[in-house]
Amino acid sequence: MCIYLRAKNYYLLNQKFVTRSGNNRRAKKVVPTSSASNLFDDYEQVANLHAVLFTVKENFVKAGITKAQLTRLKNVLGVDYFTLSSMLAITERTIHMKKEEETFSHIISDRLMAIAELYSYGYKVFGDRERFNTWMKLPNRYFHGRTPIELMDTQGGAREVRHEIQRFEVGTF
């Protein structure tokens, strides 16, 4: 649960928290840094990923995402290892050969964070996890009959998926 504070320098005094400004410039959303190690634990964590400070996500990626964290994220996103491996542009065997606490490279971790951030944004716009997960698996006329998940294997494809989600948000279909 996030705490809202009006004190500008509170986060400097208490290093257990990081902040990210919300819509109100004076209010600060405070997220405990202890939650950085479990950013992918459940739907709530992934859905609120946009509220986590950039540097926390950056440090999380640089430390490397473990296979256990990837497995938890896979369950939240509602995809299988084959689909996840194609979104990460790696083989399914690469995922299966990792031990639970073994970390992926920072490049793979960065792609995984980008995918999680896109899903977080999609959950926010669609307002429902199941609706968004279903939309990601349905053929889309905007993508010439391909599913959004099929486009996620490249950065350009992921940008197009994000652009389509933004079109939903502003109401231009």
N, C-alpha and C. Protein backbone atom coordinates (compact mmCIF):
# COMPACT_ATOMS: atom_id res chain seq x y z
N MET A 1 0.84 -1.17 0.00
CA MET A 1 0.00 0.00 0.00
C MET A 1 0.89 1.23 0.00
N CYS A 2 0.54 2.21 -0.79
CA CYS A 2 1.34 3.42 -0.91
C CYS A 2 0.91 4.45 0.12
N ILE A 3 1.86 5.24 0.53
CA ILE A 3 1.61 6.31 1.49
C ILE A 3 1.80 7.63 0.76
N TYR A 4 0.91 8.58 0.97
CA TYR A 4 1.05 9.87 0.33
C TYR A 4 1.55 10.88 1.36
N LEU A 5 2.58 11.59 0.98
CA LEU A 5 3.19 12.56 1.88
C LEU A 5 3.28 13.91 1.20
N ARG A 6 3.22 14.96 1.97
CA ARG A 6 3.40 16.30 1.42
C ARG A 6 4.81 16.81 1.67
N ALA A 7 5.54 16.20 2.57
CA ALA A 7 6.90 16.65 2.87
C ALA A 7 7.81 16.32 1.71
N LYS A 8 8.44 17.34 1.14
CA LYS A 8 9.28 17.15 -0.04
C LYS A 8 10.54 16.35 0.25
N ASN A 9 11.14 16.54 1.39
CA ASN A 9 12.43 15.92 1.66
C ASN A 9 12.34 14.71 2.58
N TYR A 10 11.15 14.19 2.82
CA TYR A 10 11.00 13.05 3.72
C TYR A 10 11.78 11.84 3.21
N TYR A 11 11.71 11.63 1.90
CA TYR A 11 12.39 10.46 1.36
C TYR A 11 13.90 10.56 1.48
N LEU A 12 14.46 11.76 1.60
CA LEU A 12 15.89 11.91 1.79
C LEU A 12 16.30 11.52 3.20
N LEU A 13 15.41 11.76 4.15
CA LEU A 13 15.70 11.44 5.53
C LEU A 13 15.48 9.95 5.82
N ASN A 14 14.52 9.36 5.17
CA ASN A 14 14.19 7.96 5.41
C ASN A 14 14.52 7.16 4.15
N GLN A 15 15.67 6.53 4.11
CA GLN A 15 16.14 5.84 2.92
C GLN A 15 15.40 4.53 2.64
N LYS A 16 14.46 4.16 3.48
CA LYS A 16 13.69 2.95 3.23
C LYS A 16 12.63 3.16 2.17
N PHE A 17 12.43 4.40 1.76
CA PHE A 17 11.37 4.70 0.80
C PHE A 17 11.93 5.41 -0.42
N VAL A 18 11.27 5.19 -1.54
CA VAL A 18 11.55 5.94 -2.76
C VAL A 18 10.26 6.60 -3.17
N THR A 19 10.35 7.65 -3.95
CA THR A 19 9.14 8.38 -4.30
C THR A 19 9.00 8.53 -5.79
N ARG A 20 7.77 8.76 -6.18
CA ARG A 20 7.47 9.10 -7.56
C ARG A 20 6.28 10.05 -7.51
N SER A 21 6.39 11.16 -8.17
CA SER A 21 5.32 12.14 -8.15
C SER A 21 4.09 11.60 -8.85
N GLY A 22 2.95 11.92 -8.32
CA GLY A 22 1.69 11.58 -8.96
C GLY A 22 1.22 12.76 -9.78
N ASN A 23 -0.08 12.88 -10.03
CA ASN A 23 -0.62 14.00 -10.77
C ASN A 23 -0.46 15.30 -10.00
N ASN A 24 -0.60 15.23 -8.69
CA ASN A 24 -0.44 16.40 -7.85
C ASN A 24 1.05 16.62 -7.63
N ARG A 25 1.57 17.76 -8.00
CA ARG A 25 3.00 18.02 -7.91
C ARG A 25 3.50 18.05 -6.48
N ARG A 26 2.63 18.39 -5.55
CA ARG A 26 3.06 18.49 -4.16
C ARG A 26 3.03 17.14 -3.46
N ALA A 27 2.09 16.30 -3.83
CA ALA A 27 1.97 14.99 -3.17
C ALA A 27 3.02 14.04 -3.73
N LYS A 28 3.52 13.20 -2.89
CA LYS A 28 4.50 12.20 -3.31
C LYS A 28 3.93 10.82 -3.00
N LYS A 29 4.08 9.92 -3.94
CA LYS A 29 3.68 8.54 -3.71
C LYS A 29 4.93 7.83 -3.22
N VAL A 30 4.84 7.21 -2.08
CA VAL A 30 5.99 6.56 -1.48
C VAL A 30 5.82 5.05 -1.59
N VAL A 31 6.83 4.40 -2.13
CA VAL A 31 6.82 2.96 -2.31
C VAL A 31 7.98 2.38 -1.53
N PRO A 32 7.76 1.44 -0.63
CA PRO A 32 8.87 0.85 0.11
C PRO A 32 9.87 0.18 -0.83
N THR A 33 11.17 0.40 -0.60
CA THR A 33 12.18 -0.21 -1.45
C THR A 33 12.26 -1.71 -1.23
N SER A 34 11.81 -2.19 -0.10
CA SER A 34 11.82 -3.63 0.13
C SER A 34 10.95 -4.35 -0.90
N SER A 35 9.99 -3.62 -1.47
CA SER A 35 9.13 -4.23 -2.49
C SER A 35 9.85 -4.37 -3.82
N ALA A 36 11.05 -3.78 -3.95
CA ALA A 36 11.77 -3.87 -5.21
C ALA A 36 12.17 -5.31 -5.52
N SER A 37 12.45 -6.11 -4.51
CA SER A 37 12.87 -7.48 -4.76
C SER A 37 11.71 -8.37 -5.20
N ASN A 38 10.49 -7.92 -4.98
CA ASN A 38 9.33 -8.74 -5.36
C ASN A 38 8.39 -7.97 -6.29
N LEU A 39 8.95 -7.31 -7.29
CA LEU A 39 8.13 -6.53 -8.22
C LEU A 39 7.19 -7.39 -9.05
N PHE A 40 7.52 -8.67 -9.23
CA PHE A 40 6.72 -9.53 -10.09
C PHE A 40 5.95 -10.59 -9.32
N ASP A 41 5.83 -10.44 -8.00
CA ASP A 41 5.24 -11.50 -7.18
C ASP A 41 3.78 -11.79 -7.48
N ASP A 42 2.98 -10.77 -7.70
CA ASP A 42 1.56 -11.00 -7.94
C ASP A 42 1.01 -9.90 -8.84
N TYR A 43 -0.28 -10.04 -9.14
CA TYR A 43 -0.93 -9.10 -10.05
C TYR A 43 -0.83 -7.66 -9.54
N GLU A 44 -1.05 -7.44 -8.25
CA GLU A 44 -1.01 -6.09 -7.68
C GLU A 44 0.35 -5.44 -7.90
N GLN A 45 1.42 -6.20 -7.71
CA GLN A 45 2.77 -5.65 -7.90
C GLN A 45 2.98 -5.25 -9.35
N VAL A 46 2.59 -6.11 -10.28
CA VAL A 46 2.78 -5.82 -11.70
C VAL A 46 1.88 -4.66 -12.12
N ALA A 47 0.63 -4.66 -11.66
CA ALA A 47 -0.30 -3.60 -12.04
C ALA A 47 0.15 -2.23 -11.54
N ASN A 48 0.87 -2.18 -10.43
CA ASN A 48 1.35 -0.90 -9.88
C ASN A 48 2.80 -0.62 -10.22
N LEU A 49 3.33 -1.29 -11.21
CA LEU A 49 4.72 -1.10 -11.60
C LEU A 49 5.00 0.33 -12.06
N HIS A 50 3.98 1.00 -12.60
CA HIS A 50 4.16 2.39 -13.04
C HIS A 50 4.41 3.34 -11.87
N ALA A 51 4.09 2.94 -10.64
CA ALA A 51 4.29 3.79 -9.47
C ALA A 51 5.67 3.61 -8.84
N VAL A 52 6.45 2.68 -9.37
CA VAL A 52 7.78 2.42 -8.82
C VAL A 52 8.77 3.36 -9.49
N LEU A 53 9.64 3.93 -8.69
CA LEU A 53 10.64 4.87 -9.19
C LEU A 53 11.56 4.20 -10.22
N PHE A 54 11.92 4.95 -11.24
CA PHE A 54 12.76 4.44 -12.33
C PHE A 54 14.05 3.82 -11.82
N THR A 55 14.71 4.46 -10.87
CA THR A 55 15.99 3.94 -10.39
C THR A 55 15.84 2.59 -9.69
N VAL A 56 14.72 2.37 -9.04
CA VAL A 56 14.48 1.07 -8.40
C VAL A 56 14.36 -0.01 -9.47
N LYS A 57 13.60 0.30 -10.54
CA LYS A 57 13.47 -0.66 -11.63
C LYS A 57 14.81 -0.89 -12.32
N GLU A 58 15.57 0.17 -12.49
CA GLU A 58 16.89 0.06 -13.13
C GLU A 58 17.82 -0.83 -12.31
N ASN A 59 17.86 -0.63 -11.00
CA ASN A 59 18.69 -1.46 -10.14
C ASN A 59 18.22 -2.91 -10.14
N PHE A 60 16.92 -3.10 -10.19
CA PHE A 60 16.32 -4.44 -10.26
C PHE A 60 16.79 -5.16 -11.51
N VAL A 61 16.80 -4.44 -12.64
CA VAL A 61 17.24 -5.02 -13.91
C VAL A 61 18.73 -5.29 -13.90
N LYS A 62 19.51 -4.35 -13.40
CA LYS A 62 20.97 -4.53 -13.37
C LYS A 62 21.39 -5.69 -12.47
N ALA A 63 20.64 -5.93 -11.41
CA ALA A 63 20.93 -7.06 -10.53
C ALA A 63 20.60 -8.38 -11.22
N GLY A 64 19.72 -8.33 -12.20
CA GLY A 64 19.32 -9.53 -12.92
C GLY A 64 18.06 -10.13 -12.34
N ILE A 65 17.17 -10.52 -13.22
CA ILE A 65 15.91 -11.12 -12.81
C ILE A 65 16.12 -12.63 -12.75
N THR A 66 15.70 -13.24 -11.66
CA THR A 66 15.89 -14.68 -11.48
C THR A 66 14.81 -15.46 -12.22
N LYS A 67 15.07 -16.74 -12.39
CA LYS A 67 14.07 -17.60 -13.04
C LYS A 67 12.81 -17.68 -12.19
N ALA A 68 12.96 -17.67 -10.86
CA ALA A 68 11.79 -17.72 -9.98
C ALA A 68 10.92 -16.48 -10.19
N GLN A 69 11.54 -15.31 -10.33
CA GLN A 69 10.78 -14.08 -10.58
C GLN A 69 10.13 -14.14 -11.96
N LEU A 70 10.84 -14.67 -12.95
CA LEU A 70 10.28 -14.81 -14.29
C LEU A 70 9.07 -15.74 -14.27
N THR A 71 9.15 -16.81 -13.51
CA THR A 71 8.04 -17.76 -13.40
C THR A 71 6.82 -17.10 -12.77
N ARG A 72 7.04 -16.30 -11.72
CA ARG A 72 5.91 -15.60 -11.09
C ARG A 72 5.29 -14.60 -12.07
N LEU A 73 6.13 -13.88 -12.82
CA LEU A 73 5.61 -12.94 -13.81
C LEU A 73 4.84 -13.67 -14.91
N LYS A 74 5.35 -14.81 -15.34
CA LYS A 74 4.67 -15.62 -16.36
C LYS A 74 3.26 -15.98 -15.91
N ASN A 75 3.13 -16.35 -14.65
CA ASN A 75 1.81 -16.70 -14.11
C ASN A 75 0.88 -15.49 -14.06
N VAL A 76 1.41 -14.32 -13.71
CA VAL A 76 0.60 -13.11 -13.66
C VAL A 76 0.13 -12.73 -15.07
N LEU A 77 1.03 -12.83 -16.05
CA LEU A 77 0.69 -12.44 -17.42
C LEU A 77 -0.21 -13.45 -18.11
N GLY A 78 -0.28 -14.66 -17.57
CA GLY A 78 -1.14 -15.67 -18.16
C GLY A 78 -0.61 -16.23 -19.46
N VAL A 79 0.71 -16.35 -19.58
CA VAL A 79 1.33 -16.90 -20.78
C VAL A 79 2.14 -18.15 -20.40
N ASP A 80 2.49 -18.93 -21.42
CA ASP A 80 3.33 -20.11 -21.16
C ASP A 80 4.79 -19.77 -21.46
N TYR A 81 5.68 -20.72 -21.18
CA TYR A 81 7.11 -20.48 -21.39
C TYR A 81 7.44 -20.24 -22.87
N PHE A 82 6.75 -20.94 -23.76
CA PHE A 82 7.01 -20.76 -25.19
C PHE A 82 6.71 -19.33 -25.62
N THR A 83 5.56 -18.82 -25.21
CA THR A 83 5.17 -17.45 -25.56
C THR A 83 6.12 -16.45 -24.93
N LEU A 84 6.45 -16.65 -23.67
CA LEU A 84 7.37 -15.75 -22.98
C LEU A 84 8.74 -15.76 -23.63
N SER A 85 9.22 -16.94 -24.02
CA SER A 85 10.53 -17.01 -24.67
C SER A 85 10.53 -16.29 -26.01
N SER A 86 9.43 -16.37 -26.75
CA SER A 86 9.37 -15.64 -28.03
C SER A 86 9.30 -14.13 -27.80
N MET A 87 8.62 -13.69 -26.73
CA MET A 87 8.60 -12.26 -26.42
C MET A 87 9.97 -11.76 -26.00
N LEU A 88 10.76 -12.62 -25.35
CA LEU A 88 12.10 -12.24 -24.91
C LEU A 88 13.15 -12.47 -25.98
N ALA A 89 12.77 -13.09 -27.10
CA ALA A 89 13.67 -13.41 -28.21
C ALA A 89 14.80 -14.34 -27.75
N ILE A 90 14.44 -15.34 -26.94
CA ILE A 90 15.38 -16.38 -26.52
C ILE A 90 14.69 -17.72 -26.71
N THR A 91 15.45 -18.79 -26.58
CA THR A 91 14.84 -20.11 -26.73
C THR A 91 14.18 -20.53 -25.42
N GLU A 92 13.21 -21.40 -25.55
CA GLU A 92 12.53 -21.93 -24.37
C GLU A 92 13.50 -22.74 -23.52
N ARG A 93 14.45 -23.39 -24.17
CA ARG A 93 15.46 -24.18 -23.46
C ARG A 93 16.30 -23.30 -22.54
N THR A 94 16.60 -22.08 -22.98
CA THR A 94 17.38 -21.15 -22.15
C THR A 94 16.67 -20.91 -20.82
N ILE A 95 15.37 -20.76 -20.88
CA ILE A 95 14.60 -20.55 -19.65
C ILE A 95 14.62 -21.80 -18.78
N HIS A 96 14.37 -22.95 -19.40
CA HIS A 96 14.28 -24.20 -18.62
C HIS A 96 15.61 -24.62 -18.02
N MET A 97 16.72 -24.25 -18.64
CA MET A 97 18.04 -24.65 -18.13
C MET A 97 18.48 -23.83 -16.93
N LYS A 98 17.88 -22.67 -16.71
CA LYS A 98 18.24 -21.84 -15.55
C LYS A 98 17.72 -22.48 -14.27
N LYS A 99 18.51 -22.36 -13.22
CA LYS A 99 18.06 -22.78 -11.90
C LYS A 99 17.19 -21.67 -11.33
N GLU A 100 16.38 -21.98 -10.33
CA GLU A 100 15.40 -21.03 -9.78
C GLU A 100 16.01 -19.69 -9.36
N GLU A 101 17.16 -19.70 -8.71
CA GLU A 101 17.76 -18.45 -8.21
C GLU A 101 18.85 -17.90 -9.12
N GLU A 102 19.03 -18.52 -10.28
CA GLU A 102 20.02 -18.04 -11.24
C GLU A 102 19.42 -16.86 -12.01
N THR A 103 20.24 -15.83 -12.25
CA THR A 103 19.73 -14.62 -12.89
C THR A 103 19.98 -14.64 -14.39
N PHE A 104 19.11 -13.94 -15.10
CA PHE A 104 19.28 -13.72 -16.53
C PHE A 104 20.19 -12.52 -16.73
N SER A 105 20.72 -12.37 -17.92
CA SER A 105 21.58 -11.22 -18.22
C SER A 105 20.78 -9.93 -18.09
N HIS A 106 21.48 -8.82 -17.98
CA HIS A 106 20.76 -7.55 -17.82
C HIS A 106 19.99 -7.20 -19.10
N ILE A 107 20.40 -7.71 -20.24
CA ILE A 107 19.67 -7.45 -21.49
C ILE A 107 18.32 -8.16 -21.47
N ILE A 108 18.32 -9.43 -21.09
CA ILE A 108 17.06 -10.19 -20.97
C ILE A 108 16.21 -9.60 -19.86
N SER A 109 16.84 -9.24 -18.75
CA SER A 109 16.11 -8.63 -17.63
C SER A 109 15.47 -7.32 -18.05
N ASP A 110 16.17 -6.54 -18.87
CA ASP A 110 15.63 -5.27 -19.35
C ASP A 110 14.41 -5.51 -20.25
N ARG A 111 14.49 -6.48 -21.14
CA ARG A 111 13.34 -6.81 -21.99
C ARG A 111 12.16 -7.28 -21.15
N LEU A 112 12.45 -8.06 -20.13
CA LEU A 112 11.39 -8.56 -19.25
C LEU A 112 10.73 -7.41 -18.50
N MET A 113 11.52 -6.45 -18.06
CA MET A 113 10.96 -5.27 -17.37
C MET A 113 10.09 -4.46 -18.34
N ALA A 114 10.54 -4.32 -19.59
CA ALA A 114 9.75 -3.57 -20.58
C ALA A 114 8.41 -4.26 -20.83
N ILE A 115 8.42 -5.58 -20.89
CA ILE A 115 7.18 -6.34 -21.07
C ILE A 115 6.27 -6.15 -19.86
N ALA A 116 6.83 -6.23 -18.67
CA ALA A 116 6.05 -6.05 -17.44
C ALA A 116 5.47 -4.64 -17.37
N GLU A 117 6.25 -3.62 -17.79
CA GLU A 117 5.75 -2.25 -17.79
C GLU A 117 4.61 -2.08 -18.78
N LEU A 118 4.71 -2.72 -19.95
CA LEU A 118 3.64 -2.64 -20.94
C LEU A 118 2.37 -3.29 -20.39
N TYR A 119 2.51 -4.43 -19.76
CA TYR A 119 1.35 -5.09 -19.15
C TYR A 119 0.77 -4.22 -18.03
N SER A 120 1.62 -3.59 -17.25
CA SER A 120 1.15 -2.70 -16.18
C SER A 120 0.30 -1.58 -16.77
N TYR A 121 0.79 -1.00 -17.85
CA TYR A 121 0.05 0.07 -18.53
C TYR A 121 -1.26 -0.46 -19.09
N GLY A 122 -1.22 -1.64 -19.69
CA GLY A 122 -2.43 -2.25 -20.23
C GLY A 122 -3.46 -2.54 -19.15
N TYR A 123 -3.01 -3.03 -18.00
CA TYR A 123 -3.93 -3.30 -16.90
C TYR A 123 -4.59 -2.00 -16.43
N LYS A 124 -3.80 -0.93 -16.41
CA LYS A 124 -4.34 0.37 -15.97
C LYS A 124 -5.40 0.86 -16.96
N VAL A 125 -5.12 0.77 -18.25
CA VAL A 125 -6.04 1.28 -19.27
C VAL A 125 -7.29 0.42 -19.37
N PHE A 126 -7.13 -0.89 -19.41
CA PHE A 126 -8.27 -1.79 -19.56
C PHE A 126 -9.04 -1.95 -18.26
N GLY A 127 -8.38 -1.72 -17.13
CA GLY A 127 -9.05 -1.80 -15.84
C GLY A 127 -9.30 -3.21 -15.34
N ASP A 128 -8.89 -4.21 -16.11
CA ASP A 128 -9.15 -5.59 -15.73
C ASP A 128 -8.06 -6.48 -16.31
N ARG A 129 -7.51 -7.32 -15.49
CA ARG A 129 -6.42 -8.20 -15.90
C ARG A 129 -6.86 -9.17 -16.99
N GLU A 130 -7.99 -9.83 -16.79
CA GLU A 130 -8.44 -10.84 -17.75
C GLU A 130 -8.79 -10.22 -19.11
N ARG A 131 -9.42 -9.05 -19.09
CA ARG A 131 -9.75 -8.39 -20.36
C ARG A 131 -8.49 -8.06 -21.15
N PHE A 132 -7.47 -7.53 -20.46
CA PHE A 132 -6.24 -7.18 -21.16
C PHE A 132 -5.50 -8.42 -21.63
N ASN A 133 -5.39 -9.45 -20.78
CA ASN A 133 -4.71 -10.68 -21.20
C ASN A 133 -5.41 -11.32 -22.40
N THR A 134 -6.74 -11.27 -22.42
CA THR A 134 -7.49 -11.80 -23.56
C THR A 134 -7.23 -10.96 -24.80
N TRP A 135 -7.23 -9.63 -24.67
CA TRP A 135 -6.96 -8.74 -25.80
C TRP A 135 -5.58 -9.01 -26.40
N MET A 136 -4.61 -9.28 -25.55
CA MET A 136 -3.25 -9.55 -26.04
C MET A 136 -3.19 -10.82 -26.89
N LYS A 137 -4.14 -11.73 -26.72
CA LYS A 137 -4.12 -13.01 -27.43
C LYS A 137 -5.06 -13.06 -28.63
N LEU A 138 -5.81 -11.99 -28.86
CA LEU A 138 -6.77 -11.97 -29.97
C LEU A 138 -6.16 -11.29 -31.20
N PRO A 139 -6.46 -11.83 -32.40
CA PRO A 139 -5.99 -11.16 -33.62
C PRO A 139 -6.56 -9.74 -33.69
N ASN A 140 -5.74 -8.82 -34.17
CA ASN A 140 -6.11 -7.41 -34.19
C ASN A 140 -6.01 -6.89 -35.61
N ARG A 141 -7.06 -6.21 -36.07
CA ARG A 141 -7.07 -5.66 -37.41
C ARG A 141 -5.96 -4.62 -37.60
N TYR A 142 -5.68 -3.85 -36.56
CA TYR A 142 -4.62 -2.83 -36.61
C TYR A 142 -3.25 -3.47 -36.86
N PHE A 143 -3.08 -4.71 -36.41
CA PHE A 143 -1.82 -5.43 -36.59
C PHE A 143 -1.91 -6.42 -37.76
N HIS A 144 -2.84 -6.19 -38.68
CA HIS A 144 -3.02 -7.01 -39.88
C HIS A 144 -3.30 -8.47 -39.53
N GLY A 145 -4.17 -8.68 -38.56
CA GLY A 145 -4.60 -10.01 -38.18
C GLY A 145 -3.68 -10.74 -37.21
N ARG A 146 -2.60 -10.11 -36.81
CA ARG A 146 -1.68 -10.73 -35.84
C ARG A 146 -2.12 -10.34 -34.43
N THR A 147 -1.70 -11.15 -33.46
CA THR A 147 -2.02 -10.84 -32.06
C THR A 147 -0.96 -9.90 -31.50
N PRO A 148 -1.31 -9.08 -30.52
CA PRO A 148 -0.31 -8.21 -29.89
C PRO A 148 0.88 -8.98 -29.32
N ILE A 149 0.64 -10.17 -28.78
CA ILE A 149 1.74 -10.97 -28.23
C ILE A 149 2.74 -11.34 -29.33
N GLU A 150 2.26 -11.60 -30.54
CA GLU A 150 3.17 -11.94 -31.64
C GLU A 150 4.11 -10.79 -31.96
N LEU A 151 3.68 -9.57 -31.74
CA LEU A 151 4.51 -8.40 -32.05
C LEU A 151 5.52 -8.08 -30.96
N MET A 152 5.37 -8.70 -29.80
CA MET A 152 6.20 -8.35 -28.65
C MET A 152 7.64 -8.85 -28.76
N ASP A 153 7.98 -9.59 -29.81
CA ASP A 153 9.34 -10.11 -29.92
C ASP A 153 10.35 -9.07 -30.39
N THR A 154 9.88 -7.91 -30.83
CA THR A 154 10.78 -6.81 -31.21
C THR A 154 10.39 -5.55 -30.47
N GLN A 155 11.33 -4.63 -30.33
CA GLN A 155 11.03 -3.36 -29.67
C GLN A 155 10.04 -2.54 -30.48
N GLY A 156 10.18 -2.57 -31.79
CA GLY A 156 9.24 -1.85 -32.65
C GLY A 156 7.83 -2.38 -32.51
N GLY A 157 7.69 -3.70 -32.44
CA GLY A 157 6.38 -4.31 -32.24
C GLY A 157 5.78 -3.94 -30.90
N ALA A 158 6.63 -3.95 -29.87
CA ALA A 158 6.16 -3.56 -28.53
C ALA A 158 5.70 -2.11 -28.52
N ARG A 159 6.41 -1.25 -29.26
CA ARG A 159 6.00 0.16 -29.36
C ARG A 159 4.63 0.27 -30.02
N GLU A 160 4.39 -0.53 -31.06
CA GLU A 160 3.10 -0.50 -31.74
C GLU A 160 1.98 -0.99 -30.82
N VAL A 161 2.26 -2.00 -30.03
CA VAL A 161 1.26 -2.50 -29.07
C VAL A 161 0.95 -1.41 -28.06
N ARG A 162 1.98 -0.74 -27.55
CA ARG A 162 1.77 0.35 -26.59
C ARG A 162 0.97 1.49 -27.24
N HIS A 163 1.28 1.78 -28.50
CA HIS A 163 0.55 2.83 -29.22
C HIS A 163 -0.93 2.47 -29.35
N GLU A 164 -1.22 1.21 -29.62
CA GLU A 164 -2.61 0.78 -29.73
C GLU A 164 -3.32 0.88 -28.38
N ILE A 165 -2.62 0.56 -27.29
CA ILE A 165 -3.20 0.70 -25.95
C ILE A 165 -3.48 2.17 -25.67
N GLN A 166 -2.58 3.05 -26.09
CA GLN A 166 -2.80 4.50 -25.91
C GLN A 166 -4.02 4.95 -26.70
N ARG A 167 -4.24 4.37 -27.87
CA ARG A 167 -5.44 4.70 -28.65
C ARG A 167 -6.70 4.32 -27.89
N PHE A 168 -6.68 3.18 -27.20
CA PHE A 168 -7.81 2.80 -26.35
C PHE A 168 -8.00 3.80 -25.23
N GLU A 169 -6.89 4.25 -24.66
CA GLU A 169 -6.97 5.16 -23.51
C GLU A 169 -7.62 6.48 -23.89
N VAL A 170 -7.26 7.02 -25.05
CA VAL A 170 -7.81 8.32 -25.45
C VAL A 170 -9.09 8.18 -26.26
N GLY A 171 -9.44 6.95 -26.65
CA GLY A 171 -10.70 6.73 -27.33
C GLY A 171 -10.67 6.88 -28.83
N THR A 172 -9.50 6.76 -29.47
CA THR A 172 -9.42 6.80 -30.93
C THR A 172 -9.18 5.39 -31.45
N PHE A 173 -10.23 4.76 -31.92
CA PHE A 173 -10.11 3.36 -32.37
C PHE A 173 -9.95 3.33 -33.86
